[in-house]
Amino acid sequence: MTTAPSRIRVVDINGVMRVEFTDRDILDEGSIRQISSELIRAIESAKPPLVLICFEGVEHLSSAALGTLITVNSLIKKRGGQLRLSNIKPSIYEVFVITKLNKLFQSFDTAEKAMQGFGRG
């Protein structure tokens, strides 16, 4: 059995797990399930998980992907960690606003801004 190529890239930057997506479009259920399980595995290995999910390069995001973000956020909070989002295109951020998820997630224009003060509130 061959394993599917990873849908995310995870880089550790001073104890913060920076996650980037390898796909421009995060729409189909199979991809979202794979992203979810890869994220959960990465989060479970971090204590506490400080996670920055960078959406640079992502053009489209389905509502199922938003559900995964909510699940991931809950898991991170349960483990005493913190989740931040960055580089969300305006067309995608609009969906966050409509669904009021912009109130749930801390999001930043750039990954650099998101990294400032991470883990300290």
PDB file of N, CA and C in Angstrom:
ATOM      1  N   MET A   1       0.836  -1.188   0.000  1.00  0.00           N
ATOM      2  CA  MET A   1       0.000   0.000   0.000  1.00  0.00           C
ATOM      3  C   MET A   1       0.881   1.253   0.000  1.00  0.00           C
ATOM      4  N   THR A   2       0.612   2.165  -0.888  1.00  0.00           N
ATOM      5  CA  THR A   2       1.383   3.402  -0.916  1.00  0.00           C
ATOM      6  C   THR A   2       0.650   4.454  -0.093  1.00  0.00           C
ATOM      7  N   THR A   3       1.422   5.257   0.596  1.00  0.00           N
ATOM      8  CA  THR A   3       0.794   6.319   1.374  1.00  0.00           C
ATOM      9  C   THR A   3       0.668   7.554   0.499  1.00  0.00           C
ATOM     10  N   ALA A   4      -0.418   8.268   0.698  1.00  0.00           N
ATOM     11  CA  ALA A   4      -0.654   9.481  -0.077  1.00  0.00           C
ATOM     12  C   ALA A   4       0.377  10.533   0.330  1.00  0.00           C
ATOM     13  N   PRO A   5       0.772  11.382  -0.607  1.00  0.00           N
ATOM     14  CA  PRO A   5       1.715  12.447  -0.242  1.00  0.00           C
ATOM     15  C   PRO A   5       1.076  13.371   0.795  1.00  0.00           C
ATOM     16  N   SER A   6       1.906  13.921   1.655  1.00  0.00           N
ATOM     17  CA  SER A   6       1.408  14.793   2.714  1.00  0.00           C
ATOM     18  C   SER A   6       0.717  16.011   2.122  1.00  0.00           C
ATOM     19  N   ARG A   7      -0.369  16.412   2.747  1.00  0.00           N
ATOM     20  CA  ARG A   7      -1.124  17.588   2.299  1.00  0.00           C
ATOM     21  C   ARG A   7      -0.691  18.849   3.042  1.00  0.00           C
ATOM     22  N   ILE A   8       0.166  18.670   4.054  1.00  0.00           N
ATOM     23  CA  ILE A   8       0.649  19.828   4.804  1.00  0.00           C
ATOM     24  C   ILE A   8       2.163  19.727   4.977  1.00  0.00           C
ATOM     25  N   ARG A   9       2.774  20.880   5.190  1.00  0.00           N
ATOM     26  CA  ARG A   9       4.187  20.957   5.546  1.00  0.00           C
ATOM     27  C   ARG A   9       4.226  21.527   6.953  1.00  0.00           C
ATOM     28  N   VAL A  10       4.965  20.889   7.837  1.00  0.00           N
ATOM     29  CA  VAL A  10       5.059  21.373   9.215  1.00  0.00           C
ATOM     30  C   VAL A  10       6.514  21.723   9.495  1.00  0.00           C
ATOM     31  N   VAL A  11       6.728  22.943   9.951  1.00  0.00           N
ATOM     32  CA  VAL A  11       8.068  23.408  10.278  1.00  0.00           C
ATOM     33  C   VAL A  11       8.037  23.921  11.708  1.00  0.00           C
ATOM     34  N   ASP A  12       9.029  23.536  12.508  1.00  0.00           N
ATOM     35  CA  ASP A  12       9.114  24.031  13.883  1.00  0.00           C
ATOM     36  C   ASP A  12       9.951  25.308  13.881  1.00  0.00           C
ATOM     37  N   ILE A  13       9.367  26.392  14.348  1.00  0.00           N
ATOM     38  CA  ILE A  13      10.093  27.660  14.443  1.00  0.00           C
ATOM     39  C   ILE A  13      10.057  28.103  15.899  1.00  0.00           C
ATOM     40  N   ASN A  14      11.165  27.896  16.600  1.00  0.00           N
ATOM     41  CA  ASN A  14      11.260  28.268  18.019  1.00  0.00           C
ATOM     42  C   ASN A  14      10.100  27.747  18.852  1.00  0.00           C
ATOM     43  N   GLY A  15       9.740  26.487  18.655  1.00  0.00           N
ATOM     44  CA  GLY A  15       8.684  25.876  19.454  1.00  0.00           C
ATOM     45  C   GLY A  15       7.278  26.103  18.920  1.00  0.00           C
ATOM     46  N   VAL A  16       7.157  26.867  17.837  1.00  0.00           N
ATOM     47  CA  VAL A  16       5.846  27.074  17.208  1.00  0.00           C
ATOM     48  C   VAL A  16       5.785  26.203  15.964  1.00  0.00           C
ATOM     49  N   MET A  17       4.704  25.448  15.870  1.00  0.00           N
ATOM     50  CA  MET A  17       4.505  24.572  14.725  1.00  0.00           C
ATOM     51  C   MET A  17       3.847  25.396  13.615  1.00  0.00           C
ATOM     52  N   ARG A  18       4.606  25.672  12.553  1.00  0.00           N
ATOM     53  CA  ARG A  18       4.044  26.421  11.418  1.00  0.00           C
ATOM     54  C   ARG A  18       3.568  25.416  10.379  1.00  0.00           C
ATOM     55  N   VAL A  19       2.287  25.490  10.054  1.00  0.00           N
ATOM     56  CA  VAL A  19       1.677  24.545   9.121  1.00  0.00           C
ATOM     57  C   VAL A  19       1.315  25.285   7.841  1.00  0.00           C
ATOM     58  N   GLU A  20       1.739  24.719   6.719  1.00  0.00           N
ATOM     59  CA  GLU A  20       1.367  25.263   5.410  1.00  0.00           C
ATOM     60  C   GLU A  20       0.710  24.149   4.616  1.00  0.00           C
ATOM     61  N   PHE A  21      -0.172  24.527   3.729  1.00  0.00           N
ATOM     62  CA  PHE A  21      -0.871  23.545   2.899  1.00  0.00           C
ATOM     63  C   PHE A  21      -0.141  23.359   1.582  1.00  0.00           C
ATOM     64  N   THR A  22      -0.144  22.138   1.072  1.00  0.00           N
ATOM     65  CA  THR A  22       0.500  21.874  -0.209  1.00  0.00           C
ATOM     66  C   THR A  22      -0.475  22.068  -1.367  1.00  0.00           C
ATOM     67  N   ASP A  23      -1.774  22.157  -1.066  1.00  0.00           N
ATOM     68  CA  ASP A  23      -2.789  22.329  -2.112  1.00  0.00           C
ATOM     69  C   ASP A  23      -3.300  23.762  -2.153  1.00  0.00           C
ATOM     70  N   ARG A  24      -3.643  24.218  -3.363  1.00  0.00           N
ATOM     71  CA  ARG A  24      -4.255  25.541  -3.498  1.00  0.00           C
ATOM     72  C   ARG A  24      -5.733  25.483  -3.141  1.00  0.00           C
ATOM     73  N   ASP A  25      -6.361  24.356  -3.455  1.00  0.00           N
ATOM     74  CA  ASP A  25      -7.787  24.188  -3.207  1.00  0.00           C
ATOM     75  C   ASP A  25      -7.997  23.090  -2.167  1.00  0.00           C
ATOM     76  N   ILE A  26      -8.627  23.448  -1.070  1.00  0.00           N
ATOM     77  CA  ILE A  26      -8.903  22.476  -0.005  1.00  0.00           C
ATOM     78  C   ILE A  26     -10.409  22.274  -0.010  1.00  0.00           C
ATOM     79  N   LEU A  27     -10.830  21.357  -0.883  1.00  0.00           N
ATOM     80  CA  LEU A  27     -12.252  21.216  -1.134  1.00  0.00           C
ATOM     81  C   LEU A  27     -12.775  19.803  -0.956  1.00  0.00           C
ATOM     82  N   ASP A  28     -12.040  18.800  -1.445  1.00  0.00           N
ATOM     83  CA  ASP A  28     -12.628  17.453  -1.433  1.00  0.00           C
ATOM     84  C   ASP A  28     -12.436  16.766  -0.094  1.00  0.00           C
ATOM     85  N   GLU A  29     -13.423  15.940   0.226  1.00  0.00           N
ATOM     86  CA  GLU A  29     -13.511  15.299   1.534  1.00  0.00           C
ATOM     87  C   GLU A  29     -12.283  14.461   1.889  1.00  0.00           C
ATOM     88  N   GLY A  30     -11.766  13.726   0.914  1.00  0.00           N
ATOM     89  CA  GLY A  30     -10.591  12.885   1.158  1.00  0.00           C
ATOM     90  C   GLY A  30      -9.388  13.706   1.591  1.00  0.00           C
ATOM     91  N   SER A  31      -9.143  14.802   0.899  1.00  0.00           N
ATOM     92  CA  SER A  31      -8.023  15.687   1.242  1.00  0.00           C
ATOM     93  C   SER A  31      -8.206  16.275   2.632  1.00  0.00           C
ATOM     94  N   ILE A  32      -9.430  16.692   2.934  1.00  0.00           N
ATOM     95  CA  ILE A  32      -9.700  17.321   4.232  1.00  0.00           C
ATOM     96  C   ILE A  32      -9.509  16.308   5.361  1.00  0.00           C
ATOM     97  N   ARG A  33      -9.961  15.072   5.146  1.00  0.00           N
ATOM     98  CA  ARG A  33      -9.749  14.016   6.160  1.00  0.00           C
ATOM     99  C   ARG A  33      -8.256  13.791   6.385  1.00  0.00           C
ATOM    100  N   GLN A  34      -7.505  13.767   5.293  1.00  0.00           N
ATOM    101  CA  GLN A  34      -6.056  13.549   5.408  1.00  0.00           C
ATOM    102  C   GLN A  34      -5.389  14.713   6.143  1.00  0.00           C
ATOM    103  N   ILE A  35      -5.760  15.945   5.787  1.00  0.00           N
ATOM    104  CA  ILE A  35      -5.217  17.136   6.461  1.00  0.00           C
ATOM    105  C   ILE A  35      -5.544  17.063   7.953  1.00  0.00           C
ATOM    106  N   SER A  36      -6.784  16.701   8.267  1.00  0.00           N
ATOM    107  CA  SER A  36      -7.223  16.610   9.656  1.00  0.00           C
ATOM    108  C   SER A  36      -6.371  15.604  10.432  1.00  0.00           C
ATOM    109  N   SER A  37      -6.189  14.404   9.878  1.00  0.00           N
ATOM    110  CA  SER A  37      -5.423  13.397  10.623  1.00  0.00           C
ATOM    111  C   SER A  37      -3.954  13.788  10.739  1.00  0.00           C
ATOM    112  N   GLU A  38      -3.387  14.438   9.710  1.00  0.00           N
ATOM    113  CA  GLU A  38      -1.990  14.890   9.791  1.00  0.00           C
ATOM    114  C   GLU A  38      -1.844  15.984  10.858  1.00  0.00           C
ATOM    115  N   LEU A  39      -2.799  16.908  10.897  1.00  0.00           N
ATOM    116  CA  LEU A  39      -2.755  17.983  11.896  1.00  0.00           C
ATOM    117  C   LEU A  39      -2.887  17.419  13.311  1.00  0.00           C
ATOM    118  N   ILE A  40      -3.837  16.512  13.495  1.00  0.00           N
ATOM    119  CA  ILE A  40      -4.061  15.938  14.830  1.00  0.00           C
ATOM    120  C   ILE A  40      -2.819  15.190  15.306  1.00  0.00           C
ATOM    121  N   ARG A  41      -2.190  14.427  14.423  1.00  0.00           N
ATOM    122  CA  ARG A  41      -0.949  13.716  14.788  1.00  0.00           C
ATOM    123  C   ARG A  41       0.129  14.695  15.228  1.00  0.00           C
ATOM    124  N   ALA A  42       0.287  15.786  14.461  1.00  0.00           N
ATOM    125  CA  ALA A  42       1.306  16.787  14.793  1.00  0.00           C
ATOM    126  C   ALA A  42       1.001  17.460  16.127  1.00  0.00           C
ATOM    127  N   ILE A  43      -0.272  17.788  16.367  1.00  0.00           N
ATOM    128  CA  ILE A  43      -0.673  18.467  17.600  1.00  0.00           C
ATOM    129  C   ILE A  43      -0.455  17.560  18.809  1.00  0.00           C
ATOM    130  N   GLU A  44      -0.764  16.292  18.657  1.00  0.00           N
ATOM    131  CA  GLU A  44      -0.628  15.364  19.782  1.00  0.00           C
ATOM    132  C   GLU A  44       0.823  15.150  20.187  1.00  0.00           C
ATOM    133  N   SER A  45       1.753  15.475  19.292  1.00  0.00           N
ATOM    134  CA  SER A  45       3.166  15.296  19.635  1.00  0.00           C
ATOM    135  C   SER A  45       3.762  16.546  20.284  1.00  0.00           C
ATOM    136  N   ALA A  46       3.020  17.645  20.311  1.00  0.00           N
ATOM    137  CA  ALA A  46       3.533  18.905  20.867  1.00  0.00           C
ATOM    138  C   ALA A  46       2.948  19.169  22.248  1.00  0.00           C
ATOM    139  N   LYS A  47       3.780  19.677  23.144  1.00  0.00           N
ATOM    140  CA  LYS A  47       3.333  19.992  24.503  1.00  0.00           C
ATOM    141  C   LYS A  47       3.853  21.351  24.919  1.00  0.00           C
ATOM    142  N   PRO A  48       3.072  22.353  25.140  1.00  0.00           N
ATOM    143  CA  PRO A  48       1.718  22.503  24.619  1.00  0.00           C
ATOM    144  C   PRO A  48       1.795  22.854  23.139  1.00  0.00           C
ATOM    145  N   PRO A  49       0.775  22.543  22.382  1.00  0.00           N
ATOM    146  CA  PRO A  49       0.843  22.831  20.954  1.00  0.00           C
ATOM    147  C   PRO A  49       0.616  24.317  20.641  1.00  0.00           C
ATOM    148  N   LEU A  50       1.649  24.958  20.128  1.00  0.00           N
ATOM    149  CA  LEU A  50       1.535  26.329  19.639  1.00  0.00           C
ATOM    150  C   LEU A  50       1.547  26.198  18.124  1.00  0.00           C
ATOM    151  N   VAL A  51       0.415  26.480  17.494  1.00  0.00           N
ATOM    152  CA  VAL A  51       0.256  26.175  16.081  1.00  0.00           C
ATOM    153  C   VAL A  51      -0.123  27.415  15.286  1.00  0.00           C
ATOM    154  N   LEU A  52       0.618  27.658  14.217  1.00  0.00           N
ATOM    155  CA  LEU A  52       0.293  28.705  13.261  1.00  0.00           C
ATOM    156  C   LEU A  52      -0.064  28.020  11.953  1.00  0.00           C
ATOM    157  N   ILE A  53      -1.290  28.203  11.509  1.00  0.00           N
ATOM    158  CA  ILE A  53      -1.687  27.655  10.215  1.00  0.00           C
ATOM    159  C   ILE A  53      -1.661  28.810   9.213  1.00  0.00           C
ATOM    160  N   CYS A  54      -0.763  28.675   8.249  1.00  0.00           N
ATOM    161  CA  CYS A  54      -0.549  29.711   7.238  1.00  0.00           C
ATOM    162  C   CYS A  54      -1.306  29.321   5.964  1.00  0.00           C
ATOM    163  N   PHE A  55      -2.187  30.188   5.516  1.00  0.00           N
ATOM    164  CA  PHE A  55      -3.023  29.903   4.343  1.00  0.00           C
ATOM    165  C   PHE A  55      -2.449  30.496   3.056  1.00  0.00           C
ATOM    166  N   GLU A  56      -1.181  30.877   3.090  1.00  0.00           N
ATOM    167  CA  GLU A  56      -0.552  31.440   1.901  1.00  0.00           C
ATOM    168  C   GLU A  56      -0.671  30.441   0.750  1.00  0.00           C
ATOM    169  N   GLY A  57      -1.143  30.902  -0.388  1.00  0.00           N
ATOM    170  CA  GLY A  57      -1.264  30.020  -1.546  1.00  0.00           C
ATOM    171  C   GLY A  57      -2.591  29.288  -1.647  1.00  0.00           C
ATOM    172  N   VAL A  58      -3.404  29.338  -0.575  1.00  0.00           N
ATOM    173  CA  VAL A  58      -4.696  28.649  -0.614  1.00  0.00           C
ATOM    174  C   VAL A  58      -5.714  29.579  -1.292  1.00  0.00           C
ATOM    175  N   GLU A  59      -6.340  29.070  -2.354  1.00  0.00           N
ATOM    176  CA  GLU A  59      -7.300  29.859  -3.123  1.00  0.00           C
ATOM    177  C   GLU A  59      -8.752  29.573  -2.707  1.00  0.00           C
ATOM    178  N   HIS A  60      -9.037  28.308  -2.379  1.00  0.00           N
ATOM    179  CA  HIS A  60     -10.408  27.912  -2.059  1.00  0.00           C
ATOM    180  C   HIS A  60     -10.418  26.986  -0.851  1.00  0.00           C
ATOM    181  N   LEU A  61     -11.437  27.155  -0.018  1.00  0.00           N
ATOM    182  CA  LEU A  61     -11.559  26.380   1.213  1.00  0.00           C
ATOM    183  C   LEU A  61     -13.030  25.992   1.368  1.00  0.00           C
ATOM    184  N   SER A  62     -13.296  24.715   1.592  1.00  0.00           N
ATOM    185  CA  SER A  62     -14.695  24.290   1.733  1.00  0.00           C
ATOM    186  C   SER A  62     -15.161  24.456   3.175  1.00  0.00           C
ATOM    187  N   SER A  63     -16.481  24.363   3.374  1.00  0.00           N
ATOM    188  CA  SER A  63     -17.018  24.476   4.732  1.00  0.00           C
ATOM    189  C   SER A  63     -16.575  23.286   5.582  1.00  0.00           C
ATOM    190  N   ALA A  64     -16.348  22.129   4.948  1.00  0.00           N
ATOM    191  CA  ALA A  64     -15.846  20.969   5.704  1.00  0.00           C
ATOM    192  C   ALA A  64     -14.455  21.259   6.263  1.00  0.00           C
ATOM    193  N   ALA A  65     -13.660  22.014   5.522  1.00  0.00           N
ATOM    194  CA  ALA A  65     -12.327  22.392   6.006  1.00  0.00           C
ATOM    195  C   ALA A  65     -12.454  23.311   7.218  1.00  0.00           C
ATOM    196  N   LEU A  66     -13.465  24.161   7.229  1.00  0.00           N
ATOM    197  CA  LEU A  66     -13.700  25.024   8.395  1.00  0.00           C
ATOM    198  C   LEU A  66     -14.048  24.179   9.611  1.00  0.00           C
ATOM    199  N   GLY A  67     -14.830  23.131   9.402  1.00  0.00           N
ATOM    200  CA  GLY A  67     -15.166  22.211  10.485  1.00  0.00           C
ATOM    201  C   GLY A  67     -13.916  21.576  11.079  1.00  0.00           C
ATOM    202  N   THR A  68     -12.969  21.218  10.211  1.00  0.00           N
ATOM    203  CA  THR A  68     -11.700  20.641  10.670  1.00  0.00           C
ATOM    204  C   THR A  68     -10.940  21.651  11.520  1.00  0.00           C
ATOM    205  N   LEU A  69     -10.946  22.924  11.105  1.00  0.00           N
ATOM    206  CA  LEU A  69     -10.260  23.960  11.882  1.00  0.00           C
ATOM    207  C   LEU A  69     -10.862  24.085  13.282  1.00  0.00           C
ATOM    208  N   ILE A  70     -12.177  23.989  13.374  1.00  0.00           N
ATOM    209  CA  ILE A  70     -12.849  24.078  14.679  1.00  0.00           C
ATOM    210  C   ILE A  70     -12.426  22.904  15.566  1.00  0.00           C
ATOM    211  N   THR A  71     -12.396  21.707  14.984  1.00  0.00           N
ATOM    212  CA  THR A  71     -11.974  20.508  15.723  1.00  0.00           C
ATOM    213  C   THR A  71     -10.535  20.644  16.199  1.00  0.00           C
ATOM    214  N   VAL A  72      -9.665  21.079  15.304  1.00  0.00           N
ATOM    215  CA  VAL A  72      -8.244  21.250  15.619  1.00  0.00           C
ATOM    216  C   VAL A  72      -8.075  22.288  16.722  1.00  0.00           C
ATOM    217  N   ASN A  73      -8.821  23.392  16.636  1.00  0.00           N
ATOM    218  CA  ASN A  73      -8.756  24.444  17.644  1.00  0.00           C
ATOM    219  C   ASN A  73      -9.152  23.901  19.020  1.00  0.00           C
ATOM    220  N   SER A  74     -10.214  23.098  19.073  1.00  0.00           N
ATOM    221  CA  SER A  74     -10.659  22.514  20.349  1.00  0.00           C
ATOM    222  C   SER A  74      -9.581  21.622  20.940  1.00  0.00           C
ATOM    223  N   LEU A  75      -8.972  20.796  20.095  1.00  0.00           N
ATOM    224  CA  LEU A  75      -7.921  19.886  20.556  1.00  0.00           C
ATOM    225  C   LEU A  75      -6.722  20.668  21.100  1.00  0.00           C
ATOM    226  N   ILE A  76      -6.335  21.720  20.392  1.00  0.00           N
ATOM    227  CA  ILE A  76      -5.200  22.548  20.828  1.00  0.00           C
ATOM    228  C   ILE A  76      -5.511  23.187  22.182  1.00  0.00           C
ATOM    229  N   LYS A  77      -6.718  23.738  22.334  1.00  0.00           N
ATOM    230  CA  LYS A  77      -7.106  24.376  23.603  1.00  0.00           C
ATOM    231  C   LYS A  77      -7.129  23.360  24.747  1.00  0.00           C
ATOM    232  N   LYS A  78      -7.660  22.143  24.481  1.00  0.00           N
ATOM    233  CA  LYS A  78      -7.697  21.091  25.499  1.00  0.00           C
ATOM    234  C   LYS A  78      -6.307  20.742  25.983  1.00  0.00           C
ATOM    235  N   ARG A  79      -5.331  20.838  25.087  1.00  0.00           N
ATOM    236  CA  ARG A  79      -3.950  20.490  25.425  1.00  0.00           C
ATOM    237  C   ARG A  79      -3.167  21.704  25.932  1.00  0.00           C
ATOM    238  N   GLY A  80      -3.871  22.806  26.219  1.00  0.00           N
ATOM    239  CA  GLY A  80      -3.225  23.992  26.786  1.00  0.00           C
ATOM    240  C   GLY A  80      -2.440  24.802  25.781  1.00  0.00           C
ATOM    241  N   GLY A  81      -2.748  24.639  24.498  1.00  0.00           N
ATOM    242  CA  GLY A  81      -2.000  25.330  23.460  1.00  0.00           C
ATOM    243  C   GLY A  81      -2.728  26.529  22.891  1.00  0.00           C
ATOM    244  N   GLN A  82      -2.253  26.949  21.742  1.00  0.00           N
ATOM    245  CA  GLN A  82      -2.774  28.148  21.105  1.00  0.00           C
ATOM    246  C   GLN A  82      -2.716  27.974  19.591  1.00  0.00           C
ATOM    247  N   LEU A  83      -3.760  28.435  18.900  1.00  0.00           N
ATOM    248  CA  LEU A  83      -3.813  28.375  17.444  1.00  0.00           C
ATOM    249  C   LEU A  83      -3.950  29.779  16.890  1.00  0.00           C
ATOM    250  N   ARG A  84      -3.140  30.073  15.888  1.00  0.00           N
ATOM    251  CA  ARG A  84      -3.259  31.333  15.158  1.00  0.00           C
ATOM    252  C   ARG A  84      -3.296  31.011  13.670  1.00  0.00           C
ATOM    253  N   LEU A  85      -3.967  31.880  12.913  1.00  0.00           N
ATOM    254  CA  LEU A  85      -4.064  31.714  11.464  1.00  0.00           C
ATOM    255  C   LEU A  85      -3.431  32.930  10.796  1.00  0.00           C
ATOM    256  N   SER A  86      -2.862  32.719   9.605  1.00  0.00           N
ATOM    257  CA  SER A  86      -2.307  33.873   8.888  1.00  0.00           C
ATOM    258  C   SER A  86      -2.488  33.714   7.392  1.00  0.00           C
ATOM    259  N   ASN A  87      -2.277  34.828   6.690  1.00  0.00           N
ATOM    260  CA  ASN A  87      -2.263  34.888   5.227  1.00  0.00           C
ATOM    261  C   ASN A  87      -3.554  34.370   4.584  1.00  0.00           C
ATOM    262  N   ILE A  88      -4.689  34.701   5.182  1.00  0.00           N
ATOM    263  CA  ILE A  88      -5.972  34.250   4.622  1.00  0.00           C
ATOM    264  C   ILE A  88      -6.411  35.247   3.553  1.00  0.00           C
ATOM    265  N   LYS A  89      -6.653  34.758   2.350  1.00  0.00           N
ATOM    266  CA  LYS A  89      -7.109  35.623   1.250  1.00  0.00           C
ATOM    267  C   LYS A  89      -8.449  36.259   1.620  1.00  0.00           C
ATOM    268  N   PRO A  90      -8.688  37.516   1.191  1.00  0.00           N
ATOM    269  CA  PRO A  90      -9.950  38.194   1.533  1.00  0.00           C
ATOM    270  C   PRO A  90     -11.196  37.383   1.159  1.00  0.00           C
ATOM    271  N   SER A  91     -11.175  36.707   0.019  1.00  0.00           N
ATOM    272  CA  SER A  91     -12.352  35.937  -0.405  1.00  0.00           C
ATOM    273  C   SER A  91     -12.634  34.781   0.555  1.00  0.00           C
ATOM    274  N   ILE A  92     -11.586  34.205   1.138  1.00  0.00           N
ATOM    275  CA  ILE A  92     -11.755  33.119   2.115  1.00  0.00           C
ATOM    276  C   ILE A  92     -12.120  33.713   3.478  1.00  0.00           C
ATOM    277  N   TYR A  93     -11.496  34.832   3.837  1.00  0.00           N
ATOM    278  CA  TYR A  93     -11.767  35.443   5.136  1.00  0.00           C
ATOM    279  C   TYR A  93     -13.232  35.875   5.251  1.00  0.00           C
ATOM    280  N   GLU A  94     -13.809  36.246   4.119  1.00  0.00           N
ATOM    281  CA  GLU A  94     -15.221  36.625   4.079  1.00  0.00           C
ATOM    282  C   GLU A  94     -16.096  35.505   4.665  1.00  0.00           C
ATOM    283  N   VAL A  95     -15.740  34.255   4.362  1.00  0.00           N
ATOM    284  CA  VAL A  95     -16.491  33.100   4.878  1.00  0.00           C
ATOM    285  C   VAL A  95     -16.320  33.022   6.401  1.00  0.00           C
ATOM    286  N   PHE A  96     -15.130  33.331   6.903  1.00  0.00           N
ATOM    287  CA  PHE A  96     -14.897  33.355   8.348  1.00  0.00           C
ATOM    288  C   PHE A  96     -15.821  34.396   8.996  1.00  0.00           C
ATOM    289  N   VAL A  97     -15.968  35.554   8.344  1.00  0.00           N
ATOM    290  CA  VAL A  97     -16.810  36.618   8.883  1.00  0.00           C
ATOM    291  C   VAL A  97     -18.275  36.190   8.855  1.00  0.00           C
ATOM    292  N   ILE A  98     -18.744  35.666   7.733  1.00  0.00           N
ATOM    293  CA  ILE A  98     -20.145  35.247   7.596  1.00  0.00           C
ATOM    294  C   ILE A  98     -20.501  34.193   8.646  1.00  0.00           C
ATOM    295  N   THR A  99     -19.593  33.253   8.889  1.00  0.00           N
ATOM    296  CA  THR A  99     -19.848  32.165   9.843  1.00  0.00           C
ATOM    297  C   THR A  99     -19.471  32.550  11.275  1.00  0.00           C
ATOM    298  N   LYS A 100     -19.007  33.793  11.454  1.00  0.00           N
ATOM    299  CA  LYS A 100     -18.563  34.320  12.751  1.00  0.00           C
ATOM    300  C   LYS A 100     -17.327  33.599  13.301  1.00  0.00           C
ATOM    301  N   LEU A 101     -16.644  32.834  12.451  1.00  0.00           N
ATOM    302  CA  LEU A 101     -15.429  32.148  12.895  1.00  0.00           C
ATOM    303  C   LEU A 101     -14.267  33.116  13.085  1.00  0.00           C
ATOM    304  N   ASN A 102     -14.400  34.321  12.527  1.00  0.00           N
ATOM    305  CA  ASN A 102     -13.364  35.328  12.759  1.00  0.00           C
ATOM    306  C   ASN A 102     -13.296  35.704  14.238  1.00  0.00           C
ATOM    307  N   LYS A 103     -14.378  35.438  14.988  1.00  0.00           N
ATOM    308  CA  LYS A 103     -14.396  35.707  16.440  1.00  0.00           C
ATOM    309  C   LYS A 103     -13.718  34.558  17.206  1.00  0.00           C
ATOM    310  N   LEU A 104     -13.747  33.353  16.635  1.00  0.00           N
ATOM    311  CA  LEU A 104     -13.179  32.181  17.298  1.00  0.00           C
ATOM    312  C   LEU A 104     -11.668  32.102  17.115  1.00  0.00           C
ATOM    313  N   PHE A 105     -11.209  32.478  15.930  1.00  0.00           N
ATOM    314  CA  PHE A 105      -9.784  32.331  15.598  1.00  0.00           C
ATOM    315  C   PHE A 105      -9.064  33.664  15.636  1.00  0.00           C
ATOM    316  N   GLN A 106      -7.804  33.607  16.092  1.00  0.00           N
ATOM    317  CA  GLN A 106      -6.941  34.780  15.999  1.00  0.00           C
ATOM    318  C   GLN A 106      -6.302  34.707  14.626  1.00  0.00           C
ATOM    319  N   SER A 107      -6.538  35.713  13.788  1.00  0.00           N
ATOM    320  CA  SER A 107      -5.901  35.671  12.480  1.00  0.00           C
ATOM    321  C   SER A 107      -5.106  36.941  12.225  1.00  0.00           C
ATOM    322  N   PHE A 108      -4.042  36.791  11.450  1.00  0.00           N
ATOM    323  CA  PHE A 108      -3.095  37.860  11.194  1.00  0.00           C
ATOM    324  C   PHE A 108      -2.837  37.954   9.697  1.00  0.00           C
ATOM    325  N   ASP A 109      -2.467  39.155   9.240  1.00  0.00           N
ATOM    326  CA  ASP A 109      -2.182  39.363   7.817  1.00  0.00           C
ATOM    327  C   ASP A 109      -1.007  38.523   7.352  1.00  0.00           C
ATOM    328  N   THR A 110       0.029  38.447   8.205  1.00  0.00           N
ATOM    329  CA  THR A 110       1.243  37.724   7.810  1.00  0.00           C
ATOM    330  C   THR A 110       1.649  36.737   8.903  1.00  0.00           C
ATOM    331  N   ALA A 111       2.416  35.747   8.502  1.00  0.00           N
ATOM    332  CA  ALA A 111       2.932  34.761   9.458  1.00  0.00           C
ATOM    333  C   ALA A 111       3.861  35.451  10.459  1.00  0.00           C
ATOM    334  N   GLU A 112       4.609  36.448  10.003  1.00  0.00           N
ATOM    335  CA  GLU A 112       5.549  37.161  10.879  1.00  0.00           C
ATOM    336  C   GLU A 112       4.796  37.848  12.014  1.00  0.00           C
ATOM    337  N   LYS A 113       3.668  38.509  11.683  1.00  0.00           N
ATOM    338  CA  LYS A 113       2.871  39.173  12.722  1.00  0.00           C
ATOM    339  C   LYS A 113       2.281  38.141  13.670  1.00  0.00           C
ATOM    340  N   ALA A 114       1.845  37.022  13.125  1.00  0.00           N
ATOM    341  CA  ALA A 114       1.242  35.961  13.946  1.00  0.00           C
ATOM    342  C   ALA A 114       2.256  35.390  14.938  1.00  0.00           C
ATOM    343  N   MET A 115       3.515  35.350  14.550  1.00  0.00           N
ATOM    344  CA  MET A 115       4.546  34.764  15.408  1.00  0.00           C
ATOM    345  C   MET A 115       4.882  35.647  16.609  1.00  0.00           C
ATOM    346  N   GLN A 116       4.610  36.948  16.515  1.00  0.00           N
ATOM    347  CA  GLN A 116       4.964  37.877  17.600  1.00  0.00           C
ATOM    348  C   GLN A 116       4.159  37.568  18.859  1.00  0.00           C
ATOM    349  N   GLY A 117       4.845  37.352  19.946  1.00  0.00           N
ATOM    350  CA  GLY A 117       4.186  37.150  21.236  1.00  0.00           C
ATOM    351  C   GLY A 117       3.475  35.813  21.364  1.00  0.00           C
ATOM    352  N   PHE A 118       3.759  34.901  20.457  1.00  0.00           N
ATOM    353  CA  PHE A 118       3.090  33.583  20.479  1.00  0.00           C
ATOM    354  C   PHE A 118       3.424  32.850  21.769  1.00  0.00           C
ATOM    355  N   GLY A 119       2.402  32.234  22.360  1.00  0.00           N
ATOM    356  CA  GLY A 119       2.621  31.476  23.584  1.00  0.00           C
ATOM    357  C   GLY A 119       2.529  32.332  24.833  1.00  0.00           C
ATOM    358  N   ARG A 120       2.402  33.634  24.632  1.00  0.00           N
ATOM    359  CA  ARG A 120       2.323  34.540  25.782  1.00  0.00           C
ATOM    360  C   ARG A 120       0.975  35.253  25.799  1.00  0.00           C
ATOM    361  N   GLY A 121      -0.086  34.526  25.424  1.00  0.00           N
ATOM    362  CA  GLY A 121      -1.391  35.177  25.505  1.00  0.00           C
ATOM    363  C   GLY A 121      -2.137  35.154  24.203  1.00  0.00           C
TER     364      GLY A 121
END
